[in-house]
Amino acid sequence: MRFDKRSPEYQTNLEAFREMDIYVPMTRDERTALRSWAQSGHDIETNPWNYSDCDGWPLNYLQAYRLKNGYSSGPWDYWKGPEHQPQWDELTERFIPNDDFC
């Protein structure tokens, strides 16, 4: 399916990608995958795997991509301590708040 590159939605998605590219540290593979997702007409605040956070809100593409590829944290999270890292539940495909983790 071809997307109308002149549509406001398409332009908004690309602008969101450009902004994320500037402000969010990511690897070359992450950047390539995110660019491809945005250029194919998808909102970067969605993900194809339907991963969600502990409140049920969908993760953005980059967060979901990192989980899908086996890592949810990295140097971009260096300022957070382990007590702030929620646990990932493979069964429900969402984060579990540390308060609920037993």
Protein backbone atom coordinates (compact mmCIF):
# COMPACT_ATOMS: atom_id res chain seq x y z
CA MET A 1 0.00 0.00 0.00
CA ARG A 2 1.36 3.39 -0.99
CA PHE A 3 0.88 6.34 1.31
CA ASP A 4 0.20 9.84 0.13
CA LYS A 5 3.41 11.66 0.98
CA ARG A 6 1.60 14.99 0.79
CA SER A 7 -0.96 14.06 3.45
CA PRO A 8 -0.78 15.90 6.78
CA GLU A 9 -0.62 12.58 8.68
CA TYR A 10 2.40 11.41 6.69
CA GLN A 11 4.20 14.72 7.20
CA THR A 12 3.38 14.65 10.93
CA ASN A 13 4.83 11.14 11.24
CA LEU A 14 8.05 12.16 9.49
CA GLU A 15 8.37 15.28 11.62
CA ALA A 16 7.93 13.16 14.76
CA PHE A 17 10.63 10.80 13.47
CA ARG A 18 13.02 13.70 12.81
CA GLU A 19 12.43 15.07 16.31
CA MET A 20 12.99 11.67 17.92
CA ASP A 21 16.11 11.21 15.80
CA ILE A 22 17.55 14.43 17.23
CA TYR A 23 16.68 13.96 20.90
CA VAL A 24 16.64 10.19 21.55
CA PRO A 25 19.91 8.24 21.51
CA MET A 26 19.57 5.16 19.28
CA THR A 27 21.68 2.75 17.29
CA ARG A 28 21.90 2.76 13.51
CA ASP A 29 19.65 -0.32 13.29
CA GLU A 30 17.04 1.30 15.54
CA ARG A 31 17.12 4.50 13.50
CA THR A 32 16.73 2.54 10.24
CA ALA A 33 13.80 0.52 11.59
CA LEU A 34 12.09 3.61 13.02
CA ARG A 35 12.56 5.54 9.76
CA SER A 36 11.10 2.64 7.80
CA TRP A 37 8.11 2.48 10.18
CA ALA A 38 7.44 6.21 9.83
CA GLN A 39 7.96 6.26 6.05
CA SER A 40 5.50 3.42 5.62
CA GLY A 41 2.81 5.70 7.04
CA HIS A 42 2.73 4.62 10.69
CA ASP A 43 2.69 6.81 13.78
CA ILE A 44 5.90 6.38 15.82
CA GLU A 45 3.77 6.26 18.97
CA THR A 46 2.44 2.84 17.86
CA ASN A 47 4.13 -0.51 17.41
CA PRO A 48 3.36 -3.56 15.26
CA TRP A 49 3.71 -5.98 18.19
CA ASN A 50 1.00 -4.31 20.32
CA TYR A 51 3.33 -4.07 23.33
CA SER A 52 2.01 -1.86 26.12
CA ASP A 53 3.22 -0.41 29.41
CA CYS A 54 1.98 -1.38 32.87
CA ASP A 55 -1.00 0.99 32.53
CA GLY A 56 -2.08 -0.54 29.23
CA TRP A 57 -0.87 2.33 27.03
CA PRO A 58 0.93 1.24 23.84
CA LEU A 59 4.70 1.63 23.79
CA ASN A 60 6.16 3.77 21.05
CA TYR A 61 7.92 1.98 18.19
CA LEU A 62 11.42 2.42 19.58
CA GLN A 63 10.54 1.08 23.04
CA ALA A 64 8.78 -1.93 21.52
CA TYR A 65 11.64 -2.51 19.05
CA ARG A 66 14.12 -2.63 21.91
CA LEU A 67 12.00 -5.15 23.79
CA LYS A 68 11.43 -7.25 20.68
CA ASN A 69 15.18 -7.43 20.12
CA GLY A 70 15.96 -8.43 23.68
CA TYR A 71 16.92 -5.24 25.46
CA SER A 72 14.73 -2.74 27.24
CA SER A 73 17.42 -0.51 28.67
CA GLY A 74 20.78 0.79 27.67
CA PRO A 75 23.07 3.79 27.96
CA TRP A 76 20.07 6.07 27.37
CA ASP A 77 18.74 4.93 30.80
CA TYR A 78 21.98 5.35 32.74
CA TRP A 79 20.48 7.97 35.05
CA LYS A 80 17.72 5.64 36.25
CA GLY A 81 18.38 3.28 39.11
CA PRO A 82 17.26 -0.37 39.06
CA GLU A 83 14.42 0.45 41.45
CA HIS A 84 12.83 2.52 38.66
CA GLN A 85 12.98 -0.21 36.02
CA PRO A 86 9.64 -2.01 35.69
CA GLN A 87 9.64 -5.74 35.00
CA TRP A 88 8.63 -7.08 31.56
CA ASP A 89 6.03 -9.86 31.54
CA GLU A 90 6.33 -12.11 28.46
CA LEU A 91 2.89 -13.64 29.00
CA THR A 92 0.90 -10.39 28.90
CA GLU A 93 3.49 -8.50 26.79
CA ARG A 94 3.45 -5.48 29.07
CA PHE A 95 5.45 -3.97 31.91
CA ILE A 96 4.56 -4.82 35.48
CA PRO A 97 5.06 -2.05 38.03
CA ASN A 98 7.67 -2.89 40.66
CA ASP A 99 4.97 -2.54 43.33
CA ASP A 100 3.04 -5.44 41.76
CA PHE A 101 6.08 -7.64 41.10
CA CYS A 102 6.42 -10.54 43.53
